[in-house]
Amino acid sequence: MTFAYTIDKQTVFGDQEVAMGTFTSSDAGTGGNIITGLKRITNVTLQHTGAAVVASAPVVNETMPCDGTVTIVTVANAAGIWIAYGSR
């Protein structure tokens, strides 16, 4: 299982710190950990891109709020985008 992610942008929306990027699972991988750079996460939005199975949306395998790392679960060999909201 190979999981990779990028952090493409970090910014501030009002009183929330925001980090966003992409994720990919290959070699039949079904997710992994994203280290967001945030100290505390209150919400994460995930969306598949490309030819992913529409009926199987990616999910966050955490209880919010959580520390700066989130585990996500996807269908095998998926790619997508993520946005995490919280504080540094």
N, C-alpha and C. Protein backbone atom coordinates (compact mmCIF):
# COMPACT_ATOMS: atom_id res chain seq x y z
N MET A 1 0.84 -1.17 0.00
CA MET A 1 0.00 0.00 0.00
C MET A 1 0.89 1.24 0.00
N THR A 2 0.61 2.15 -0.93
CA THR A 2 1.34 3.41 -0.99
C THR A 2 0.33 4.55 -0.88
N PHE A 3 0.57 5.43 0.08
CA PHE A 3 -0.28 6.60 0.28
C PHE A 3 0.61 7.83 0.25
N ALA A 4 0.18 8.85 -0.47
CA ALA A 4 0.93 10.10 -0.53
C ALA A 4 -0.04 11.27 -0.47
N TYR A 5 0.46 12.39 0.02
CA TYR A 5 -0.36 13.59 0.06
C TYR A 5 0.53 14.81 -0.15
N THR A 6 -0.09 15.92 -0.53
CA THR A 6 0.61 17.19 -0.64
C THR A 6 -0.12 18.22 0.22
N ILE A 7 0.61 19.22 0.66
CA ILE A 7 0.01 20.42 1.24
C ILE A 7 0.29 21.51 0.22
N ASP A 8 -0.76 21.93 -0.47
CA ASP A 8 -0.61 22.90 -1.55
C ASP A 8 -0.78 24.34 -1.10
N LYS A 9 -1.53 24.56 -0.02
CA LYS A 9 -1.77 25.93 0.43
C LYS A 9 -2.15 25.92 1.90
N GLN A 10 -1.70 26.94 2.62
CA GLN A 10 -2.12 27.19 3.98
C GLN A 10 -2.53 28.65 4.05
N THR A 11 -3.67 28.93 4.66
CA THR A 11 -4.18 30.29 4.71
C THR A 11 -5.07 30.46 5.93
N VAL A 12 -5.66 31.64 6.06
CA VAL A 12 -6.57 31.94 7.17
C VAL A 12 -7.92 32.33 6.58
N PHE A 13 -8.99 31.71 7.07
CA PHE A 13 -10.37 32.07 6.73
C PHE A 13 -11.01 32.59 8.01
N GLY A 14 -11.10 33.90 8.15
CA GLY A 14 -11.66 34.45 9.38
C GLY A 14 -10.80 34.08 10.57
N ASP A 15 -11.37 33.35 11.55
CA ASP A 15 -10.60 32.94 12.71
C ASP A 15 -10.12 31.49 12.61
N GLN A 16 -10.19 30.89 11.42
CA GLN A 16 -9.77 29.50 11.21
C GLN A 16 -8.50 29.43 10.36
N GLU A 17 -7.54 28.63 10.79
CA GLU A 17 -6.39 28.29 9.95
C GLU A 17 -6.85 27.17 9.02
N VAL A 18 -6.40 27.20 7.78
CA VAL A 18 -6.84 26.22 6.80
C VAL A 18 -5.62 25.68 6.05
N ALA A 19 -5.60 24.37 5.85
CA ALA A 19 -4.58 23.72 5.04
C ALA A 19 -5.30 22.88 4.00
N MET A 20 -4.74 22.80 2.78
CA MET A 20 -5.40 22.03 1.73
C MET A 20 -4.37 21.43 0.79
N GLY A 21 -4.78 20.33 0.15
CA GLY A 21 -3.88 19.66 -0.77
C GLY A 21 -4.54 18.49 -1.45
N THR A 22 -3.71 17.54 -1.88
CA THR A 22 -4.19 16.36 -2.61
C THR A 22 -3.76 15.09 -1.88
N PHE A 23 -4.42 13.98 -2.23
CA PHE A 23 -4.01 12.67 -1.72
C PHE A 23 -4.13 11.64 -2.82
N THR A 24 -3.31 10.61 -2.74
CA THR A 24 -3.38 9.48 -3.68
C THR A 24 -3.08 8.19 -2.92
N SER A 25 -3.83 7.15 -3.25
CA SER A 25 -3.58 5.80 -2.77
C SER A 25 -3.30 4.94 -3.98
N SER A 26 -2.20 4.21 -3.97
CA SER A 26 -1.88 3.34 -5.11
C SER A 26 -1.52 1.96 -4.60
N ASP A 27 -1.23 1.04 -5.50
CA ASP A 27 -0.90 -0.35 -5.14
C ASP A 27 -1.98 -0.96 -4.27
N ALA A 28 -3.25 -0.74 -4.64
CA ALA A 28 -4.42 -1.24 -3.92
C ALA A 28 -4.58 -0.60 -2.55
N GLY A 29 -3.91 0.52 -2.31
CA GLY A 29 -4.01 1.22 -1.03
C GLY A 29 -5.40 1.79 -0.82
N THR A 30 -5.80 1.89 0.45
CA THR A 30 -7.13 2.40 0.80
C THR A 30 -7.05 3.50 1.84
N GLY A 31 -6.11 4.41 1.67
CA GLY A 31 -6.02 5.56 2.57
C GLY A 31 -4.74 5.60 3.36
N GLY A 32 -4.68 6.56 4.28
CA GLY A 32 -3.49 6.75 5.10
C GLY A 32 -3.61 7.99 5.95
N ASN A 33 -2.47 8.47 6.47
CA ASN A 33 -2.44 9.64 7.35
C ASN A 33 -2.03 10.89 6.58
N ILE A 34 -2.70 12.00 6.89
CA ILE A 34 -2.32 13.31 6.39
C ILE A 34 -1.90 14.16 7.58
N ILE A 35 -0.65 14.61 7.57
CA ILE A 35 -0.14 15.51 8.60
C ILE A 35 -0.38 16.92 8.08
N THR A 36 -1.38 17.59 8.61
CA THR A 36 -1.90 18.83 8.03
C THR A 36 -1.06 20.06 8.32
N GLY A 37 -0.24 20.04 9.35
CA GLY A 37 0.48 21.23 9.78
C GLY A 37 -0.32 22.05 10.77
N LEU A 38 -1.56 21.67 11.01
CA LEU A 38 -2.38 22.34 12.02
C LEU A 38 -2.16 21.67 13.37
N LYS A 39 -2.32 22.42 14.45
CA LYS A 39 -2.18 21.84 15.78
C LYS A 39 -3.44 21.12 16.21
N ARG A 40 -4.58 21.70 15.87
CA ARG A 40 -5.88 21.12 16.23
C ARG A 40 -6.80 21.25 15.03
N ILE A 41 -7.48 20.17 14.68
CA ILE A 41 -8.37 20.14 13.52
C ILE A 41 -9.81 20.04 14.00
N THR A 42 -10.66 20.91 13.45
CA THR A 42 -12.08 20.88 13.82
C THR A 42 -12.95 20.29 12.71
N ASN A 43 -12.46 20.30 11.46
CA ASN A 43 -13.26 19.80 10.34
C ASN A 43 -12.34 19.45 9.18
N VAL A 44 -12.68 18.39 8.45
CA VAL A 44 -11.93 18.00 7.24
C VAL A 44 -12.94 17.70 6.15
N THR A 45 -12.68 18.22 4.95
CA THR A 45 -13.49 17.94 3.78
C THR A 45 -12.64 17.14 2.80
N LEU A 46 -13.19 16.03 2.29
CA LEU A 46 -12.49 15.17 1.32
C LEU A 46 -13.35 15.02 0.08
N GLN A 47 -12.70 14.90 -1.07
CA GLN A 47 -13.43 14.64 -2.31
C GLN A 47 -12.53 13.87 -3.26
N HIS A 48 -13.06 12.80 -3.84
CA HIS A 48 -12.32 12.06 -4.86
C HIS A 48 -12.23 12.88 -6.14
N THR A 49 -11.19 12.65 -6.91
CA THR A 49 -11.05 13.22 -8.24
C THR A 49 -10.76 12.07 -9.21
N GLY A 50 -10.92 12.33 -10.50
CA GLY A 50 -10.63 11.30 -11.49
C GLY A 50 -11.73 10.26 -11.58
N ALA A 51 -11.34 9.00 -11.78
CA ALA A 51 -12.29 7.92 -12.06
C ALA A 51 -12.65 7.11 -10.81
N ALA A 52 -12.70 7.74 -9.64
CA ALA A 52 -13.04 7.01 -8.42
C ALA A 52 -14.49 6.56 -8.45
N VAL A 53 -14.79 5.55 -7.64
CA VAL A 53 -16.15 5.03 -7.53
C VAL A 53 -17.01 6.08 -6.82
N VAL A 54 -18.01 6.60 -7.50
CA VAL A 54 -18.82 7.69 -6.95
C VAL A 54 -19.54 7.27 -5.68
N ALA A 55 -19.99 6.03 -5.60
CA ALA A 55 -20.76 5.58 -4.44
C ALA A 55 -19.90 5.39 -3.19
N SER A 56 -18.58 5.48 -3.31
CA SER A 56 -17.69 5.24 -2.18
C SER A 56 -16.86 6.48 -1.87
N ALA A 57 -17.47 7.43 -1.19
CA ALA A 57 -16.79 8.68 -0.85
C ALA A 57 -15.68 8.43 0.18
N PRO A 58 -14.59 9.20 0.12
CA PRO A 58 -13.55 9.08 1.13
C PRO A 58 -14.08 9.56 2.48
N VAL A 59 -13.56 9.00 3.56
CA VAL A 59 -14.02 9.37 4.89
C VAL A 59 -12.84 9.65 5.81
N VAL A 60 -13.08 10.46 6.83
CA VAL A 60 -12.10 10.74 7.88
C VAL A 60 -12.33 9.74 8.99
N ASN A 61 -11.29 9.05 9.41
CA ASN A 61 -11.39 8.03 10.44
C ASN A 61 -10.92 8.61 11.78
N GLU A 62 -11.49 9.73 12.19
CA GLU A 62 -11.13 10.42 13.42
C GLU A 62 -12.40 10.98 14.06
N THR A 63 -12.33 11.26 15.34
CA THR A 63 -13.37 12.00 16.03
C THR A 63 -12.89 13.44 16.15
N MET A 64 -13.71 14.39 15.72
CA MET A 64 -13.32 15.79 15.75
C MET A 64 -13.75 16.43 17.05
N PRO A 65 -12.99 17.38 17.58
CA PRO A 65 -11.70 17.84 17.07
C PRO A 65 -10.61 16.82 17.37
N CYS A 66 -9.51 16.91 16.60
CA CYS A 66 -8.39 16.00 16.79
C CYS A 66 -7.08 16.76 16.61
N ASP A 67 -5.98 16.09 16.94
CA ASP A 67 -4.66 16.67 16.74
C ASP A 67 -4.40 16.84 15.25
N GLY A 68 -3.25 17.35 14.86
CA GLY A 68 -2.96 17.76 13.50
C GLY A 68 -2.83 16.69 12.43
N THR A 69 -2.97 15.41 12.78
CA THR A 69 -2.90 14.33 11.80
C THR A 69 -4.26 13.67 11.68
N VAL A 70 -4.72 13.47 10.44
CA VAL A 70 -5.98 12.77 10.21
C VAL A 70 -5.72 11.52 9.40
N THR A 71 -6.44 10.46 9.72
CA THR A 71 -6.40 9.23 8.94
C THR A 71 -7.62 9.23 8.05
N ILE A 72 -7.41 8.99 6.75
CA ILE A 72 -8.54 8.92 5.82
C ILE A 72 -8.62 7.52 5.24
N VAL A 73 -9.84 7.14 4.86
CA VAL A 73 -10.09 5.83 4.25
C VAL A 73 -10.74 6.10 2.90
N THR A 74 -10.22 5.44 1.86
CA THR A 74 -10.71 5.62 0.50
C THR A 74 -10.93 4.26 -0.15
N VAL A 75 -11.52 4.26 -1.32
CA VAL A 75 -11.54 3.04 -2.12
C VAL A 75 -10.11 2.81 -2.62
N ALA A 76 -9.80 1.62 -3.08
CA ALA A 76 -8.45 1.30 -3.56
C ALA A 76 -8.07 2.16 -4.76
N ASN A 77 -6.82 2.55 -4.78
CA ASN A 77 -6.23 3.29 -5.91
C ASN A 77 -6.98 4.58 -6.21
N ALA A 78 -7.26 5.37 -5.19
CA ALA A 78 -8.03 6.60 -5.34
C ALA A 78 -7.14 7.83 -5.26
N ALA A 79 -7.64 8.91 -5.80
CA ALA A 79 -6.98 10.22 -5.68
C ALA A 79 -8.04 11.25 -5.35
N GLY A 80 -7.63 12.34 -4.73
CA GLY A 80 -8.60 13.37 -4.40
C GLY A 80 -7.96 14.60 -3.79
N ILE A 81 -8.83 15.45 -3.25
CA ILE A 81 -8.40 16.68 -2.60
C ILE A 81 -8.91 16.70 -1.16
N TRP A 82 -8.22 17.44 -0.30
CA TRP A 82 -8.61 17.56 1.10
C TRP A 82 -8.46 19.01 1.55
N ILE A 83 -9.29 19.40 2.52
CA ILE A 83 -9.19 20.70 3.18
C ILE A 83 -9.40 20.45 4.68
N ALA A 84 -8.47 20.94 5.49
CA ALA A 84 -8.58 20.81 6.96
C ALA A 84 -8.70 22.20 7.57
N TYR A 85 -9.62 22.35 8.52
CA TYR A 85 -9.86 23.62 9.22
C TYR A 85 -9.50 23.43 10.69
N GLY A 86 -8.88 24.43 11.29
CA GLY A 86 -8.53 24.33 12.69
C GLY A 86 -7.68 25.48 13.14
N SER A 87 -6.65 25.17 13.98
CA SER A 87 -5.76 26.20 14.51
C SER A 87 -4.34 25.66 14.56
N ARG A 88 -3.39 26.60 14.61
CA ARG A 88 -1.96 26.23 14.70
C ARG A 88 -1.45 26.35 16.09
